């Protein structure tokens, strides 16, 4: 190759630098696309998943109740759980204390006002490692028309092939404590405890 004057050499060097930069950007974009596609959709097994909550009643008892129905989606990256996400919708029509009159009272305007705010929702915004088999899942919890950042302490029970279903499955336990008055559901507090303990266990299966 013949010797070129300095301006042409500089142009060639610049073109090479631009080509390398373009290759680097393409590689990064490609890597991002692979990462974004790494999370698989999992659905909740309603027969083996529960959402329970508890409160103290005037210091005399600690009552447990549950939601009989909920729907949601887990996007699970088994290679890096911090890239996962979860969203859940809980209809207040599914509240179950085993006492029909209490169910109706909780759904009334005194508490959840289910006619106006029919659902509780949770949508994760961040997943962080919190030790071996532990995660902290931060998300937006919406109750009674109020949305607040809430943290779930999560234990990864098991991820792998389900022995009966023969599909990919994942199971988790989660817990949180929330103040109901912060969501505008504070009647009788603090005599009926403001703090509500939430306990979740979930079995999920990879969508087909």
N, C-alpha and C. Protein backbone atom coordinates (compact mmCIF):
# COMPACT_ATOMS: atom_id res chain seq x y z
N UNK A 1 0.85 -1.20 0.00
CA UNK A 1 0.00 0.00 0.00
C UNK A 1 0.88 1.24 0.00
N UNK A 2 0.64 2.18 -0.88
CA UNK A 2 1.50 3.37 -0.96
C UNK A 2 1.34 4.24 0.27
N UNK A 3 2.41 4.97 0.55
CA UNK A 3 2.33 5.92 1.67
C UNK A 3 1.34 7.02 1.33
N UNK A 4 0.54 7.39 2.33
CA UNK A 4 -0.45 8.45 2.14
C UNK A 4 -0.05 9.66 2.95
N UNK A 5 -0.42 10.82 2.46
CA UNK A 5 -0.11 12.03 3.23
C UNK A 5 -0.86 12.01 4.56
N UNK A 6 -0.38 12.73 5.57
CA UNK A 6 -0.96 12.72 6.92
C UNK A 6 -2.46 12.92 6.98
N UNK A 7 -3.10 13.83 6.23
CA UNK A 7 -4.56 14.00 6.35
C UNK A 7 -5.31 12.72 6.03
N UNK A 8 -4.84 12.00 4.98
CA UNK A 8 -5.54 10.76 4.61
C UNK A 8 -5.35 9.70 5.67
N UNK A 9 -4.16 9.63 6.24
CA UNK A 9 -3.91 8.66 7.33
C UNK A 9 -4.84 8.93 8.50
N UNK A 10 -5.00 10.21 8.83
CA UNK A 10 -5.89 10.57 9.95
C UNK A 10 -7.33 10.18 9.63
N UNK A 11 -7.76 10.36 8.37
CA UNK A 11 -9.13 9.98 7.98
C UNK A 11 -9.33 8.49 8.14
N UNK A 12 -8.35 7.68 7.72
CA UNK A 12 -8.47 6.24 7.81
C UNK A 12 -8.52 5.80 9.28
N UNK A 13 -7.67 6.42 10.10
CA UNK A 13 -7.67 6.09 11.53
C UNK A 13 -9.01 6.42 12.17
N UNK A 14 -9.59 7.56 11.77
CA UNK A 14 -10.89 7.97 12.30
C UNK A 14 -11.99 7.00 11.90
N UNK A 15 -11.95 6.54 10.62
CA UNK A 15 -12.93 5.58 10.14
C UNK A 15 -12.85 4.27 10.92
N UNK A 16 -11.59 3.86 11.19
CA UNK A 16 -11.42 2.63 11.96
C UNK A 16 -12.00 2.77 13.36
N UNK A 17 -11.75 3.94 13.98
CA UNK A 17 -12.28 4.18 15.33
C UNK A 17 -13.80 4.17 15.33
N UNK A 18 -14.40 4.80 14.29
CA UNK A 18 -15.85 4.82 14.20
C UNK A 18 -16.40 3.42 13.99
N UNK A 19 -15.70 2.62 13.21
CA UNK A 19 -16.15 1.24 12.95
C UNK A 19 -16.11 0.42 14.23
N UNK A 20 -15.02 0.60 15.00
CA UNK A 20 -14.90 -0.12 16.26
C UNK A 20 -15.99 0.32 17.24
N UNK A 21 -16.26 1.63 17.26
CA UNK A 21 -17.31 2.14 18.16
C UNK A 21 -18.66 1.59 17.77
N UNK A 22 -18.92 1.56 16.44
CA UNK A 22 -20.21 1.02 15.97
C UNK A 22 -20.34 -0.45 16.33
N UNK A 23 -19.23 -1.21 16.21
CA UNK A 23 -19.26 -2.62 16.57
C UNK A 23 -19.53 -2.81 18.05
N UNK A 24 -18.91 -1.94 18.89
CA UNK A 24 -19.13 -2.01 20.32
C UNK A 24 -20.57 -1.71 20.68
N UNK A 25 -21.15 -0.68 20.08
CA UNK A 25 -22.56 -0.33 20.33
C UNK A 25 -23.47 -1.47 19.92
N UNK A 26 -23.21 -2.06 18.74
CA UNK A 26 -24.04 -3.18 18.26
C UNK A 26 -23.96 -4.36 19.21
N UNK A 27 -22.75 -4.60 19.73
CA UNK A 27 -22.58 -5.71 20.68
C UNK A 27 -23.36 -5.46 21.95
N UNK A 28 -23.27 -4.20 22.46
CA UNK A 28 -24.00 -3.86 23.67
C UNK A 28 -25.50 -3.96 23.47
N UNK A 29 -25.98 -3.46 22.34
CA UNK A 29 -27.42 -3.55 22.04
C UNK A 29 -27.84 -4.99 21.93
N UNK A 30 -27.03 -5.77 21.25
CA UNK A 30 -27.36 -7.19 21.13
C UNK A 30 -27.39 -7.87 22.47
N UNK A 31 -26.42 -7.54 23.36
CA UNK A 31 -26.40 -8.14 24.69
C UNK A 31 -27.60 -7.74 25.50
N UNK A 32 -28.02 -6.46 25.36
CA UNK A 32 -29.21 -6.01 26.07
C UNK A 32 -30.44 -6.76 25.59
N UNK A 33 -30.54 -6.98 24.28
CA UNK A 33 -31.70 -7.69 23.74
C UNK A 33 -31.76 -9.11 24.28
N UNK A 34 -30.60 -9.76 24.40
CA UNK A 34 -30.57 -11.12 24.94
C UNK A 34 -31.03 -11.12 26.38
N UNK A 35 -30.52 -10.13 27.16
CA UNK A 35 -30.91 -10.03 28.56
C UNK A 35 -32.41 -9.83 28.70
N UNK A 36 -32.97 -8.94 27.88
CA UNK A 36 -34.40 -8.65 27.98
C UNK A 36 -35.25 -9.88 27.68
N UNK A 37 -34.74 -10.78 26.86
CA UNK A 37 -35.51 -11.96 26.49
C UNK A 37 -35.26 -13.14 27.43
N UNK A 38 -34.36 -12.95 28.43
CA UNK A 38 -33.98 -14.07 29.28
C UNK A 38 -35.06 -14.42 30.30
N UNK A 39 -35.93 -13.47 30.65
CA UNK A 39 -36.98 -13.71 31.63
C UNK A 39 -38.15 -14.45 30.97
N UNK A 40 -38.55 -15.56 31.59
CA UNK A 40 -39.67 -16.35 31.09
C UNK A 40 -40.93 -16.07 31.90
N UNK A 41 -42.06 -16.17 31.24
CA UNK A 41 -43.34 -15.93 31.91
C UNK A 41 -43.76 -17.16 32.71
N UNK A 42 -44.07 -16.94 33.98
CA UNK A 42 -44.60 -17.97 34.87
C UNK A 42 -45.97 -17.53 35.36
N UNK A 43 -46.87 -18.48 35.53
CA UNK A 43 -48.21 -18.17 36.03
C UNK A 43 -48.42 -18.83 37.39
N UNK A 44 -49.27 -18.22 38.21
CA UNK A 44 -49.52 -18.71 39.56
C UNK A 44 -50.44 -19.94 39.54
N UNK A 45 -50.09 -20.91 40.36
CA UNK A 45 -50.94 -22.09 40.57
C UNK A 45 -51.90 -21.76 41.70
N UNK A 46 -53.19 -21.51 41.40
CA UNK A 46 -54.12 -21.06 42.44
C UNK A 46 -54.36 -22.11 43.53
N UNK A 47 -54.16 -23.38 43.20
CA UNK A 47 -54.38 -24.43 44.20
C UNK A 47 -53.26 -24.55 45.21
N UNK A 48 -52.12 -23.91 44.91
CA UNK A 48 -50.96 -24.03 45.80
C UNK A 48 -50.32 -22.67 46.06
N UNK A 49 -51.15 -21.63 46.05
CA UNK A 49 -50.68 -20.27 46.35
C UNK A 49 -51.71 -19.60 47.26
N UNK A 50 -51.22 -18.82 48.21
CA UNK A 50 -52.12 -18.15 49.16
C UNK A 50 -51.60 -16.76 49.50
N UNK A 51 -52.54 -15.84 49.71
CA UNK A 51 -52.22 -14.52 50.25
C UNK A 51 -53.03 -14.35 51.53
N UNK A 52 -52.33 -14.27 52.66
CA UNK A 52 -52.99 -14.16 53.96
C UNK A 52 -52.58 -12.84 54.62
N UNK A 53 -53.43 -12.34 55.51
CA UNK A 53 -53.08 -11.14 56.27
C UNK A 53 -53.66 -11.24 57.67
N UNK A 54 -53.03 -10.52 58.60
CA UNK A 54 -53.39 -10.65 60.01
C UNK A 54 -53.39 -9.30 60.70
N UNK A 55 -54.24 -9.16 61.73
CA UNK A 55 -54.28 -7.95 62.54
C UNK A 55 -54.64 -8.31 63.97
N UNK A 56 -54.29 -7.41 64.88
CA UNK A 56 -54.61 -7.60 66.30
C UNK A 56 -55.91 -6.89 66.64
N UNK A 57 -56.77 -7.56 67.40
CA UNK A 57 -58.09 -7.04 67.74
C UNK A 57 -58.15 -6.65 69.21
N UNK A 58 -57.96 -5.33 69.48
CA UNK A 58 -58.04 -4.76 70.82
C UNK A 58 -57.10 -5.46 71.81
N UNK A 59 -56.04 -6.07 71.31
CA UNK A 59 -55.07 -6.73 72.17
C UNK A 59 -55.45 -8.13 72.59
N UNK A 60 -56.67 -8.56 72.23
CA UNK A 60 -57.15 -9.86 72.69
C UNK A 60 -56.83 -11.02 71.74
N UNK A 61 -56.81 -10.75 70.45
CA UNK A 61 -56.61 -11.86 69.50
C UNK A 61 -55.89 -11.36 68.26
N UNK A 62 -55.31 -12.30 67.55
CA UNK A 62 -54.65 -12.02 66.28
C UNK A 62 -55.37 -12.81 65.19
N UNK A 63 -56.11 -12.09 64.37
CA UNK A 63 -56.99 -12.71 63.38
C UNK A 63 -56.25 -12.88 62.07
N UNK A 64 -56.45 -14.03 61.43
CA UNK A 64 -55.93 -14.26 60.08
C UNK A 64 -57.06 -14.33 59.08
N UNK A 65 -56.85 -13.72 57.95
CA UNK A 65 -57.82 -13.78 56.85
C UNK A 65 -57.05 -14.00 55.56
N UNK A 66 -57.76 -14.13 54.46
CA UNK A 66 -57.08 -14.45 53.19
C UNK A 66 -57.87 -13.87 52.02
N UNK A 67 -57.23 -13.93 50.87
CA UNK A 67 -57.91 -13.62 49.61
C UNK A 67 -58.03 -14.93 48.83
N UNK A 68 -59.25 -15.30 48.53
CA UNK A 68 -59.49 -16.59 47.87
C UNK A 68 -59.09 -16.59 46.40
N UNK A 69 -58.98 -15.41 45.81
CA UNK A 69 -58.62 -15.32 44.39
C UNK A 69 -57.61 -14.20 44.18
N UNK A 70 -56.72 -14.41 43.25
CA UNK A 70 -55.85 -13.34 42.77
C UNK A 70 -55.27 -13.79 41.44
N UNK A 71 -54.80 -12.82 40.69
CA UNK A 71 -54.24 -13.11 39.38
C UNK A 71 -52.94 -12.34 39.23
N UNK A 72 -52.02 -12.89 38.47
CA UNK A 72 -50.76 -12.18 38.31
C UNK A 72 -49.84 -12.87 37.33
N UNK A 73 -48.69 -12.26 37.17
CA UNK A 73 -47.69 -12.76 36.23
C UNK A 73 -46.31 -12.55 36.80
N UNK A 74 -45.50 -13.59 36.71
CA UNK A 74 -44.10 -13.52 37.12
C UNK A 74 -43.22 -13.66 35.89
N UNK A 75 -42.34 -12.70 35.67
CA UNK A 75 -41.34 -12.79 34.62
C UNK A 75 -40.04 -13.17 35.32
N UNK A 76 -39.60 -14.41 35.14
CA UNK A 76 -38.52 -14.97 35.94
C UNK A 76 -37.28 -15.21 35.10
N UNK A 77 -36.18 -14.60 35.51
CA UNK A 77 -34.87 -14.86 34.92
C UNK A 77 -34.12 -15.76 35.89
N UNK A 78 -34.06 -17.04 35.59
CA UNK A 78 -33.46 -17.99 36.52
C UNK A 78 -31.95 -17.83 36.62
N UNK A 79 -31.32 -17.19 35.63
CA UNK A 79 -29.88 -16.96 35.66
C UNK A 79 -29.52 -15.76 36.54
N UNK A 80 -30.42 -14.81 36.61
CA UNK A 80 -30.19 -13.62 37.44
C UNK A 80 -31.56 -13.16 37.95
N UNK A 81 -31.90 -13.56 39.16
CA UNK A 81 -33.23 -13.27 39.70
C UNK A 81 -33.50 -11.78 39.85
N UNK A 82 -32.44 -10.97 39.91
CA UNK A 82 -32.65 -9.52 40.05
C UNK A 82 -33.22 -8.91 38.77
N UNK A 83 -33.20 -9.65 37.67
CA UNK A 83 -33.81 -9.17 36.42
C UNK A 83 -35.26 -9.62 36.30
N UNK A 84 -35.79 -10.22 37.34
CA UNK A 84 -37.17 -10.72 37.31
C UNK A 84 -38.14 -9.60 37.73
N UNK A 85 -39.42 -9.85 37.51
CA UNK A 85 -40.46 -8.90 37.93
C UNK A 85 -41.75 -9.65 38.19
N UNK A 86 -42.64 -9.01 38.95
CA UNK A 86 -43.91 -9.64 39.27
C UNK A 86 -44.99 -8.58 39.36
N UNK A 87 -46.19 -8.94 38.94
CA UNK A 87 -47.35 -8.07 39.09
C UNK A 87 -48.54 -8.93 39.53
N UNK A 88 -49.33 -8.39 40.45
CA UNK A 88 -50.46 -9.15 41.02
C UNK A 88 -51.66 -8.23 41.16
N UNK A 89 -52.83 -8.76 40.85
CA UNK A 89 -54.10 -8.06 41.08
C UNK A 89 -54.96 -8.92 41.99
N UNK A 90 -55.46 -8.31 43.09
CA UNK A 90 -56.28 -9.03 44.07
C UNK A 90 -57.65 -8.37 44.12
N UNK A 91 -58.71 -9.06 43.70
CA UNK A 91 -60.04 -8.47 43.81
C UNK A 91 -60.52 -8.49 45.26
N UNK A 92 -61.03 -7.37 45.74
CA UNK A 92 -61.52 -7.32 47.11
C UNK A 92 -62.77 -8.16 47.32
N UNK A 93 -63.41 -8.54 46.23
CA UNK A 93 -64.55 -9.46 46.34
C UNK A 93 -64.12 -10.81 46.88
N UNK A 94 -62.79 -11.10 46.83
CA UNK A 94 -62.28 -12.40 47.26
C UNK A 94 -61.84 -12.42 48.72
N UNK A 95 -62.07 -11.33 49.46
CA UNK A 95 -61.66 -11.30 50.86
C UNK A 95 -62.45 -12.34 51.65
N UNK A 96 -61.77 -13.07 52.54
CA UNK A 96 -62.43 -14.16 53.26
C UNK A 96 -61.88 -14.25 54.68
N UNK A 97 -62.72 -13.88 55.66
CA UNK A 97 -62.35 -13.97 57.08
C UNK A 97 -63.03 -15.15 57.76
N UNK A 98 -63.83 -15.90 57.01
CA UNK A 98 -64.68 -16.99 57.53
C UNK A 98 -65.88 -16.45 58.31
N UNK A 99 -66.06 -15.12 58.29
CA UNK A 99 -67.23 -14.50 58.94
C UNK A 99 -67.85 -13.58 57.90
N UNK A 100 -69.02 -13.94 57.40
CA UNK A 100 -69.62 -13.22 56.28
C UNK A 100 -69.87 -11.75 56.60
N UNK A 101 -70.37 -11.45 57.81
CA UNK A 101 -70.64 -10.05 58.17
C UNK A 101 -69.35 -9.23 58.22
N UNK A 102 -68.27 -9.84 58.70
CA UNK A 102 -67.00 -9.13 58.73
C UNK A 102 -66.47 -8.90 57.32
N UNK A 103 -66.65 -9.88 56.45
CA UNK A 103 -66.25 -9.70 55.05
C UNK A 103 -66.94 -8.49 54.45
N UNK A 104 -68.24 -8.39 54.67
CA UNK A 104 -69.02 -7.29 54.12
C UNK A 104 -68.60 -5.95 54.72
N UNK A 105 -68.28 -5.96 56.02
CA UNK A 105 -67.85 -4.72 56.66
C UNK A 105 -66.51 -4.26 56.09
N UNK A 106 -65.58 -5.18 55.89
CA UNK A 106 -64.28 -4.82 55.34
C UNK A 106 -64.39 -4.29 53.92
N UNK A 107 -65.37 -4.78 53.18
CA UNK A 107 -65.58 -4.30 51.81
C UNK A 107 -66.29 -2.95 51.77
N UNK A 108 -66.89 -2.55 52.87
CA UNK A 108 -67.69 -1.33 52.89
C UNK A 108 -66.82 -0.09 52.89
N UNK A 109 -67.48 1.08 52.82
CA UNK A 109 -66.77 2.36 52.80
C UNK A 109 -66.03 2.64 54.10
N UNK A 110 -66.36 1.92 55.18
CA UNK A 110 -65.63 2.07 56.43
C UNK A 110 -64.17 1.65 56.28
N UNK A 111 -63.93 0.72 55.37
CA UNK A 111 -62.58 0.19 55.20
C UNK A 111 -62.13 0.30 53.74
N UNK A 112 -62.20 -0.80 52.98
CA UNK A 112 -61.64 -0.81 51.63
C UNK A 112 -62.49 -0.09 50.58
N UNK A 113 -63.77 0.07 50.84
CA UNK A 113 -64.68 0.69 49.87
C UNK A 113 -64.55 0.01 48.51
N UNK A 114 -64.83 -1.31 48.52
CA UNK A 114 -64.61 -2.13 47.33
C UNK A 114 -65.45 -1.70 46.13
N UNK A 115 -66.59 -1.06 46.39
CA UNK A 115 -67.42 -0.60 45.28
C UNK A 115 -66.69 0.47 44.45
N UNK A 116 -65.89 1.28 45.12
CA UNK A 116 -65.17 2.35 44.45
C UNK A 116 -63.76 1.92 44.05
N UNK A 117 -63.14 1.08 44.89
CA UNK A 117 -61.76 0.61 44.65
C UNK A 117 -61.76 -0.92 44.68
N UNK A 118 -62.15 -1.57 43.61
CA UNK A 118 -62.41 -3.01 43.64
C UNK A 118 -61.19 -3.90 43.74
N UNK A 119 -59.98 -3.37 43.49
CA UNK A 119 -58.79 -4.22 43.45
C UNK A 119 -57.64 -3.66 44.27
N UNK A 120 -56.83 -4.57 44.79
CA UNK A 120 -55.51 -4.25 45.32
C UNK A 120 -54.51 -4.71 44.26
N UNK A 121 -53.50 -3.89 43.98
CA UNK A 121 -52.50 -4.28 42.99
C UNK A 121 -51.09 -4.09 43.54
N UNK A 122 -50.19 -4.91 43.04
CA UNK A 122 -48.77 -4.77 43.36
C UNK A 122 -47.99 -4.98 42.08
N UNK A 123 -47.07 -4.06 41.79
CA UNK A 123 -46.23 -4.17 40.61
C UNK A 123 -44.80 -3.87 41.01
N UNK A 124 -43.90 -4.84 40.83
CA UNK A 124 -42.53 -4.67 41.28
C UNK A 124 -41.80 -3.62 40.45
N UNK A 125 -40.87 -2.93 41.12
CA UNK A 125 -40.03 -1.94 40.45
C UNK A 125 -38.55 -2.28 40.58
N UNK A 126 -38.21 -3.14 41.55
CA UNK A 126 -36.80 -3.50 41.76
C UNK A 126 -36.72 -4.83 42.51
N UNK A 127 -35.76 -5.66 42.10
CA UNK A 127 -35.49 -6.92 42.80
C UNK A 127 -34.02 -6.93 43.18
N UNK A 128 -33.75 -7.16 44.47
CA UNK A 128 -32.38 -7.16 44.97
C UNK A 128 -32.08 -8.45 45.72
N UNK A 129 -30.83 -8.90 45.65
CA UNK A 129 -30.40 -10.04 46.45
C UNK A 129 -30.32 -9.61 47.91
N UNK A 130 -30.68 -10.53 48.83
CA UNK A 130 -30.65 -10.21 50.26
C UNK A 130 -30.06 -11.38 51.04
N UNK A 131 -29.09 -12.07 50.45
CA UNK A 131 -28.50 -13.23 51.09
C UNK A 131 -28.81 -14.49 50.31
N UNK A 132 -28.30 -15.61 50.80
CA UNK A 132 -28.49 -16.88 50.12
C UNK A 132 -29.98 -17.25 50.08
N UNK A 133 -30.53 -17.36 48.87
CA UNK A 133 -31.92 -17.74 48.72
C UNK A 133 -32.92 -16.68 49.17
N UNK A 134 -32.46 -15.45 49.32
CA UNK A 134 -33.31 -14.37 49.80
C UNK A 134 -33.30 -13.21 48.81
N UNK A 135 -34.45 -12.54 48.70
CA UNK A 135 -34.58 -11.37 47.84
C UNK A 135 -35.36 -10.28 48.56
N UNK A 136 -35.14 -9.05 48.14
CA UNK A 136 -36.01 -7.94 48.53
C UNK A 136 -36.65 -7.42 47.26
N UNK A 137 -37.97 -7.48 47.22
CA UNK A 137 -38.71 -7.05 46.04
C UNK A 137 -39.47 -5.77 46.39
N UNK A 138 -39.05 -4.67 45.80
CA UNK A 138 -39.71 -3.39 46.00
C UNK A 138 -40.73 -3.19 44.89
N UNK A 139 -41.89 -2.66 45.25
CA UNK A 139 -42.91 -2.43 44.24
C UNK A 139 -43.93 -1.41 44.66
N UNK A 140 -44.79 -1.05 43.73
CA UNK A 140 -45.88 -0.11 44.00
C UNK A 140 -47.12 -0.89 44.43
N UNK A 141 -47.52 -0.67 45.68
CA UNK A 141 -48.72 -1.31 46.23
C UNK A 141 -49.85 -0.28 46.22
N UNK A 142 -50.96 -0.63 45.58
CA UNK A 142 -52.10 0.28 45.49
C UNK A 142 -53.29 -0.30 46.23
N UNK A 143 -53.76 0.44 47.23
CA UNK A 143 -54.93 0.06 48.04
C UNK A 143 -55.79 1.30 48.25
N UNK A 144 -57.09 1.17 48.02
CA UNK A 144 -58.01 2.25 48.36
C UNK A 144 -57.65 3.55 47.63
N UNK A 145 -57.11 3.42 46.42
CA UNK A 145 -56.78 4.59 45.62
C UNK A 145 -55.46 5.24 45.99
N UNK A 146 -54.70 4.63 46.89
CA UNK A 146 -53.41 5.17 47.32
C UNK A 146 -52.31 4.20 46.90
N UNK A 147 -51.24 4.72 46.32
CA UNK A 147 -50.11 3.89 45.89
C UNK A 147 -48.87 4.27 46.68
N UNK A 148 -48.22 3.26 47.28
CA UNK A 148 -47.02 3.50 48.07
C UNK A 148 -45.99 2.42 47.75
N UNK A 149 -44.72 2.80 47.81
CA UNK A 149 -43.64 1.82 47.64
C UNK A 149 -43.63 0.88 48.84
N UNK A 150 -43.57 -0.41 48.56
CA UNK A 150 -43.62 -1.44 49.59
C UNK A 150 -42.58 -2.50 49.28
N UNK A 151 -41.95 -3.04 50.34
CA UNK A 151 -40.90 -4.04 50.16
C UNK A 151 -41.40 -5.40 50.67
N UNK A 152 -41.26 -6.41 49.82
CA UNK A 152 -41.53 -7.79 50.19
C UNK A 152 -40.21 -8.49 50.49
N UNK A 153 -40.14 -9.14 51.65
CA UNK A 153 -39.00 -10.01 51.97
C UNK A 153 -39.31 -11.40 51.44
N UNK A 154 -38.51 -11.86 50.48
CA UNK A 154 -38.83 -13.07 49.73
C UNK A 154 -37.81 -14.17 50.01
N UNK A 155 -38.32 -15.38 50.22
CA UNK A 155 -37.49 -16.58 50.30
C UNK A 155 -37.73 -17.41 49.05
N UNK A 156 -36.65 -17.77 48.37
CA UNK A 156 -36.76 -18.63 47.20
C UNK A 156 -36.82 -20.07 47.69
N UNK A 157 -37.98 -20.68 47.60
CA UNK A 157 -38.15 -22.05 48.11
C UNK A 157 -37.49 -23.08 47.19
N UNK A 158 -37.81 -23.00 45.90
CA UNK A 158 -37.28 -23.98 44.95
C UNK A 158 -37.53 -23.51 43.53
N UNK A 159 -36.55 -23.74 42.67
CA UNK A 159 -36.70 -23.50 41.24
C UNK A 159 -36.20 -24.75 40.51
N UNK A 160 -37.04 -25.33 39.67
CA UNK A 160 -36.63 -26.53 38.96
C UNK A 160 -37.82 -27.24 38.36
N UNK A 161 -37.59 -28.47 37.90
CA UNK A 161 -38.67 -29.22 37.28
C UNK A 161 -39.63 -29.76 38.34
N UNK A 162 -40.92 -29.58 38.07
CA UNK A 162 -41.94 -30.08 38.99
C UNK A 162 -42.06 -31.59 38.80
N UNK A 163 -41.99 -32.39 39.89
CA UNK A 163 -41.99 -33.84 39.75
C UNK A 163 -43.28 -34.44 39.22
N UNK A 164 -44.41 -33.74 39.43
CA UNK A 164 -45.69 -34.26 38.93
C UNK A 164 -46.07 -33.65 37.60
N UNK A 165 -45.94 -32.32 37.50
CA UNK A 165 -46.36 -31.63 36.29
C UNK A 165 -45.36 -31.79 35.14
N UNK A 166 -44.10 -32.13 35.50
CA UNK A 166 -43.03 -32.29 34.51
C UNK A 166 -42.79 -31.02 33.71
N UNK A 167 -42.94 -29.89 34.37
CA UNK A 167 -42.63 -28.61 33.72
C UNK A 167 -41.73 -27.80 34.64
N UNK A 168 -41.27 -26.65 34.16
CA UNK A 168 -40.44 -25.78 34.98
C UNK A 168 -41.32 -25.05 35.98
N UNK A 169 -40.90 -25.06 37.24
CA UNK A 169 -41.69 -24.45 38.30
C UNK A 169 -40.79 -23.64 39.22
N UNK A 170 -41.40 -22.73 39.95
CA UNK A 170 -40.66 -21.92 40.92
C UNK A 170 -41.59 -21.59 42.08
N UNK A 171 -41.07 -21.68 43.30
CA UNK A 171 -41.88 -21.41 44.48
C UNK A 171 -41.21 -20.43 45.42
N UNK A 172 -42.02 -19.56 46.01
CA UNK A 172 -41.51 -18.49 46.86
C UNK A 172 -42.42 -18.29 48.06
N UNK A 173 -41.85 -17.82 49.17
CA UNK A 173 -42.59 -17.27 50.28
C UNK A 173 -42.23 -15.79 50.38
N UNK A 174 -43.19 -14.97 50.79
CA UNK A 174 -42.92 -13.54 50.92
C UNK A 174 -43.69 -12.98 52.11
N UNK A 175 -43.16 -11.93 52.69
CA UNK A 175 -43.82 -11.28 53.82
C UNK A 175 -43.59 -9.79 53.79
N UNK A 176 -44.51 -9.07 54.40
CA UNK A 176 -44.39 -7.62 54.52
C UNK A 176 -45.28 -7.16 55.67
N UNK A 177 -45.00 -6.00 56.20
CA UNK A 177 -45.87 -5.37 57.19
C UNK A 177 -46.22 -3.98 56.66
N UNK A 178 -47.51 -3.70 56.58
CA UNK A 178 -47.94 -2.41 56.07
C UNK A 178 -48.82 -1.70 57.10
N UNK A 179 -48.85 -0.38 57.03
CA UNK A 179 -49.75 0.40 57.88
C UNK A 179 -50.99 0.76 57.07
N UNK A 180 -52.12 0.25 57.49
CA UNK A 180 -53.35 0.46 56.73
C UNK A 180 -53.78 1.94 56.72
N UNK A 181 -53.44 2.67 57.79
CA UNK A 181 -53.83 4.09 57.83
C UNK A 181 -53.15 4.88 56.72
N UNK A 182 -51.97 4.43 56.25
CA UNK A 182 -51.28 5.13 55.17
C UNK A 182 -52.01 5.00 53.84
N UNK A 183 -52.93 4.04 53.77
CA UNK A 183 -53.73 3.84 52.56
C UNK A 183 -55.18 4.32 52.76
N UNK A 184 -55.42 5.07 53.83
CA UNK A 184 -56.76 5.60 54.08
C UNK A 184 -57.74 4.57 54.59
N UNK A 185 -57.22 3.51 55.22
CA UNK A 185 -58.09 2.45 55.75
C UNK A 185 -57.79 2.31 57.25
N UNK A 186 -57.95 3.40 57.98
CA UNK A 186 -57.49 3.43 59.36
C UNK A 186 -58.55 3.34 60.43
N UNK A 187 -59.78 2.98 60.11
CA UNK A 187 -60.83 2.94 61.12
C UNK A 187 -60.45 2.03 62.29
N UNK A 188 -60.72 2.51 63.50
CA UNK A 188 -60.50 1.82 64.79
C UNK A 188 -59.03 1.71 65.18
N UNK A 189 -58.12 2.18 64.35
CA UNK A 189 -56.71 2.17 64.76
C UNK A 189 -56.50 3.20 65.87
N UNK A 190 -55.64 2.94 66.85
CA UNK A 190 -54.76 1.77 66.97
C UNK A 190 -55.35 0.62 67.77
N UNK A 191 -56.59 0.75 68.25
CA UNK A 191 -57.15 -0.35 69.05
C UNK A 191 -57.24 -1.64 68.24
N UNK A 192 -57.69 -1.51 67.01
CA UNK A 192 -57.51 -2.59 66.04
C UNK A 192 -56.24 -2.22 65.28
N UNK A 193 -55.26 -3.09 65.31
CA UNK A 193 -53.90 -2.70 64.93
C UNK A 193 -53.83 -2.02 63.56
N UNK A 194 -53.01 -0.96 63.54
CA UNK A 194 -52.75 -0.27 62.28
C UNK A 194 -51.85 -1.12 61.39
N UNK A 195 -50.90 -1.81 62.01
CA UNK A 195 -49.97 -2.65 61.25
C UNK A 195 -50.62 -3.97 60.86
N UNK A 196 -50.53 -4.29 59.60
CA UNK A 196 -51.10 -5.52 59.05
C UNK A 196 -49.95 -6.40 58.55
N UNK A 197 -49.90 -7.63 59.04
CA UNK A 197 -48.90 -8.58 58.58
C UNK A 197 -49.43 -9.31 57.35
N UNK A 198 -48.62 -9.34 56.32
CA UNK A 198 -49.00 -10.01 55.07
C UNK A 198 -48.06 -11.19 54.85
N UNK A 199 -48.63 -12.35 54.57
CA UNK A 199 -47.84 -13.56 54.32
C UNK A 199 -48.31 -14.18 53.00
N UNK A 200 -47.36 -14.49 52.15
CA UNK A 200 -47.67 -15.02 50.81
C UNK A 200 -46.86 -16.29 50.58
N UNK A 201 -47.48 -17.29 50.03
CA UNK A 201 -46.74 -18.43 49.49
C UNK A 201 -47.24 -18.67 48.08
N UNK A 202 -46.33 -18.92 47.16
CA UNK A 202 -46.72 -19.00 45.76
C UNK A 202 -45.95 -20.11 45.04
N UNK A 203 -46.71 -20.90 44.32
CA UNK A 203 -46.13 -21.87 43.39
C UNK A 203 -46.47 -21.42 41.98
N UNK A 204 -45.47 -21.31 41.12
CA UNK A 204 -45.69 -20.84 39.75
C UNK A 204 -45.15 -21.85 38.76
N UNK A 205 -45.72 -21.81 37.55
CA UNK A 205 -45.30 -22.73 36.49
C UNK A 205 -45.02 -21.95 35.21
N UNK A 206 -43.98 -22.36 34.52
CA UNK A 206 -43.61 -21.69 33.29
C UNK A 206 -44.72 -21.82 32.27
N UNK A 207 -45.12 -20.68 31.69
CA UNK A 207 -46.20 -20.68 30.70
C UNK A 207 -45.78 -21.44 29.45
N UNK A 208 -46.74 -22.14 28.87
CA UNK A 208 -46.45 -22.94 27.67
C UNK A 208 -46.91 -22.19 26.42
